[in-house]
């Protein structure tokens, strides 16, 4: 391979790498935009598994905390997110998203 051919190959490879990176970034952005609301998703999981609010006591904490989280008066804490991920297998990427929380 001549020197000029190596340069062209290198430049083409650089362009290809940039295109792949851009496509991967766009895919990650698309995934983030289509993730469900964390609280609605938690409620769906509870309904699917037949869980009641009190069943979350070991995961979220007191009944007051459970009510506050499910009614969006209190955001999920890092401890709650870890517990929900570990005990209910809810993906962390869903739980860590920002969501509306009502302040009373």
C-alpha atoms as a PDB file:
ATOM      1  CA  UNK A   1       0.000   0.000   0.000  1.00  0.00           C
ATOM      2  CA  UNK A   2       1.372   3.385  -0.945  1.00  0.00           C
ATOM      3  CA  UNK A   3       1.567   6.268   1.478  1.00  0.00           C
ATOM      4  CA  UNK A   4      -1.344   8.130  -0.179  1.00  0.00           C
ATOM      5  CA  UNK A   5      -3.526   5.008  -0.002  1.00  0.00           C
ATOM      6  CA  UNK A   6      -2.795   4.663   3.734  1.00  0.00           C
ATOM      7  CA  UNK A   7      -3.807   8.302   4.268  1.00  0.00           C
ATOM      8  CA  UNK A   8      -7.089   7.832   2.400  1.00  0.00           C
ATOM      9  CA  UNK A   9      -7.834   4.626   4.321  1.00  0.00           C
ATOM     10  CA  UNK A  10      -7.048   6.360   7.618  1.00  0.00           C
ATOM     11  CA  UNK A  11      -9.270   9.320   6.735  1.00  0.00           C
ATOM     12  CA  UNK A  12     -12.113   7.029   5.641  1.00  0.00           C
ATOM     13  CA  UNK A  13     -11.782   5.016   8.844  1.00  0.00           C
ATOM     14  CA  UNK A  14     -11.945   8.242  10.884  1.00  0.00           C
ATOM     15  CA  UNK A  15     -15.132   9.298   9.066  1.00  0.00           C
ATOM     16  CA  UNK A  16     -16.640   5.847   9.584  1.00  0.00           C
ATOM     17  CA  UNK A  17     -15.778   5.940  13.308  1.00  0.00           C
ATOM     18  CA  UNK A  18     -17.435   9.349  13.663  1.00  0.00           C
ATOM     19  CA  UNK A  19     -20.563   8.143  11.877  1.00  0.00           C
ATOM     20  CA  UNK A  20     -20.799   5.070  14.109  1.00  0.00           C
ATOM     21  CA  UNK A  21     -20.360   7.229  17.197  1.00  0.00           C
ATOM     22  CA  UNK A  22     -23.078   9.632  16.036  1.00  0.00           C
ATOM     23  CA  UNK A  23     -25.484   6.772  15.335  1.00  0.00           C
ATOM     24  CA  UNK A  24     -24.831   5.206  18.746  1.00  0.00           C
ATOM     25  CA  UNK A  25     -25.373   8.575  20.469  1.00  0.00           C
ATOM     26  CA  UNK A  26     -28.620   9.096  18.600  1.00  0.00           C
ATOM     27  CA  UNK A  27     -29.764   5.619  19.637  1.00  0.00           C
ATOM     28  CA  UNK A  28     -29.024   6.347  23.297  1.00  0.00           C
ATOM     29  CA  UNK A  29     -30.924   9.645  23.074  1.00  0.00           C
ATOM     30  CA  UNK A  30     -33.885   7.853  21.468  1.00  0.00           C
ATOM     31  CA  UNK A  31     -33.912   5.238  24.242  1.00  0.00           C
ATOM     32  CA  UNK A  32     -33.847   7.936  26.941  1.00  0.00           C
ATOM     33  CA  UNK A  33     -36.762   9.768  25.383  1.00  0.00           C
ATOM     34  CA  UNK A  34     -38.916   6.644  25.242  1.00  0.00           C
ATOM     35  CA  UNK A  35     -38.394   5.435  28.804  1.00  0.00           C
ATOM     36  CA  UNK A  36     -41.557   5.240  30.899  1.00  0.00           C
ATOM     37  CA  UNK A  37     -42.224   7.574  33.813  1.00  0.00           C
ATOM     38  CA  UNK A  38     -40.612   5.992  36.918  1.00  0.00           C
ATOM     39  CA  UNK A  39     -43.680   6.250  39.162  1.00  0.00           C
ATOM     40  CA  UNK A  40     -46.107   5.024  36.499  1.00  0.00           C
ATOM     41  CA  UNK A  41     -43.764   2.143  35.731  1.00  0.00           C
ATOM     42  CA  UNK A  42     -43.538   1.255  39.433  1.00  0.00           C
ATOM     43  CA  UNK A  43     -47.338   1.263  39.648  1.00  0.00           C
ATOM     44  CA  UNK A  44     -47.538  -1.010  36.570  1.00  0.00           C
ATOM     45  CA  UNK A  45     -45.066  -3.450  38.122  1.00  0.00           C
ATOM     46  CA  UNK A  46     -47.073  -3.439  41.338  1.00  0.00           C
ATOM     47  CA  UNK A  47     -50.292  -4.177  39.425  1.00  0.00           C
ATOM     48  CA  UNK A  48     -48.690  -6.934  37.335  1.00  0.00           C
ATOM     49  CA  UNK A  49     -47.235  -8.652  40.397  1.00  0.00           C
ATOM     50  CA  UNK A  50     -50.242  -8.079  42.635  1.00  0.00           C
ATOM     51  CA  UNK A  51     -48.267  -5.949  45.087  1.00  0.00           C
ATOM     52  CA  UNK A  52     -49.914  -3.578  47.534  1.00  0.00           C
ATOM     53  CA  UNK A  53     -48.401  -0.385  48.907  1.00  0.00           C
ATOM     54  CA  UNK A  54     -47.444  -2.156  52.136  1.00  0.00           C
ATOM     55  CA  UNK A  55     -45.469  -4.738  50.157  1.00  0.00           C
ATOM     56  CA  UNK A  56     -42.998  -1.952  49.347  1.00  0.00           C
ATOM     57  CA  UNK A  57     -42.227  -1.263  53.001  1.00  0.00           C
ATOM     58  CA  UNK A  58     -38.907  -3.133  52.930  1.00  0.00           C
ATOM     59  CA  UNK A  59     -37.956  -1.458  49.662  1.00  0.00           C
ATOM     60  CA  UNK A  60     -39.078   2.172  50.120  1.00  0.00           C
ATOM     61  CA  UNK A  61     -39.536   2.521  53.858  1.00  0.00           C
ATOM     62  CA  UNK A  62     -42.435   3.655  55.987  1.00  0.00           C
ATOM     63  CA  UNK A  63     -46.017   3.716  54.764  1.00  0.00           C
ATOM     64  CA  UNK A  64     -45.754   7.515  54.763  1.00  0.00           C
ATOM     65  CA  UNK A  65     -42.776   7.353  52.389  1.00  0.00           C
ATOM     66  CA  UNK A  66     -44.546   4.862  50.148  1.00  0.00           C
ATOM     67  CA  UNK A  67     -47.607   7.082  49.907  1.00  0.00           C
ATOM     68  CA  UNK A  68     -45.519  10.214  49.349  1.00  0.00           C
ATOM     69  CA  UNK A  69     -43.515   8.580  46.538  1.00  0.00           C
ATOM     70  CA  UNK A  70     -46.521   7.045  44.772  1.00  0.00           C
ATOM     71  CA  UNK A  71     -48.424  10.345  45.022  1.00  0.00           C
ATOM     72  CA  UNK A  72     -45.360  12.268  43.794  1.00  0.00           C
ATOM     73  CA  UNK A  73     -44.980  14.315  46.956  1.00  0.00           C
ATOM     74  CA  UNK A  74     -41.491  12.913  47.552  1.00  0.00           C
ATOM     75  CA  UNK A  75     -38.844  11.957  44.972  1.00  0.00           C
ATOM     76  CA  UNK A  76     -37.183   8.567  44.956  1.00  0.00           C
ATOM     77  CA  UNK A  77     -33.964   8.600  46.968  1.00  0.00           C
ATOM     78  CA  UNK A  78     -30.812   6.817  45.883  1.00  0.00           C
ATOM     79  CA  UNK A  79     -31.465   4.131  48.518  1.00  0.00           C
ATOM     80  CA  UNK A  80     -35.004   3.613  47.194  1.00  0.00           C
ATOM     81  CA  UNK A  81     -33.753   3.417  43.601  1.00  0.00           C
ATOM     82  CA  UNK A  82     -31.149   0.818  44.552  1.00  0.00           C
ATOM     83  CA  UNK A  83     -33.709  -1.229  46.485  1.00  0.00           C
ATOM     84  CA  UNK A  84     -36.291  -1.095  43.678  1.00  0.00           C
ATOM     85  CA  UNK A  85     -33.619  -2.160  41.209  1.00  0.00           C
ATOM     86  CA  UNK A  86     -32.384  -4.995  43.421  1.00  0.00           C
ATOM     87  CA  UNK A  87     -35.658  -6.338  44.819  1.00  0.00           C
ATOM     88  CA  UNK A  88     -38.116  -5.680  41.981  1.00  0.00           C
ATOM     89  CA  UNK A  89     -35.632  -5.780  39.080  1.00  0.00           C
ATOM     90  CA  UNK A  90     -36.738  -2.384  37.796  1.00  0.00           C
ATOM     91  CA  UNK A  91     -34.008  -1.028  35.514  1.00  0.00           C
ATOM     92  CA  UNK A  92     -32.056   1.789  37.145  1.00  0.00           C
ATOM     93  CA  UNK A  93     -32.143   3.804  33.908  1.00  0.00           C
ATOM     94  CA  UNK A  94     -35.923   4.088  34.338  1.00  0.00           C
ATOM     95  CA  UNK A  95     -35.768   4.995  38.017  1.00  0.00           C
ATOM     96  CA  UNK A  96     -33.064   7.673  37.784  1.00  0.00           C
ATOM     97  CA  UNK A  97     -34.866   9.796  35.202  1.00  0.00           C
ATOM     98  CA  UNK A  98     -36.200  13.156  36.268  1.00  0.00           C
ATOM     99  CA  UNK A  99     -39.958  13.179  36.763  1.00  0.00           C
ATOM    100  CA  UNK A 100     -42.610  15.570  38.012  1.00  0.00           C
ATOM    101  CA  UNK A 101     -42.925  15.715  41.765  1.00  0.00           C
ATOM    102  CA  UNK A 102     -45.690  17.778  43.364  1.00  0.00           C
ATOM    103  CA  UNK A 103     -44.587  20.021  46.186  1.00  0.00           C
ATOM    104  CA  UNK A 104     -47.280  20.652  48.806  1.00  0.00           C
END
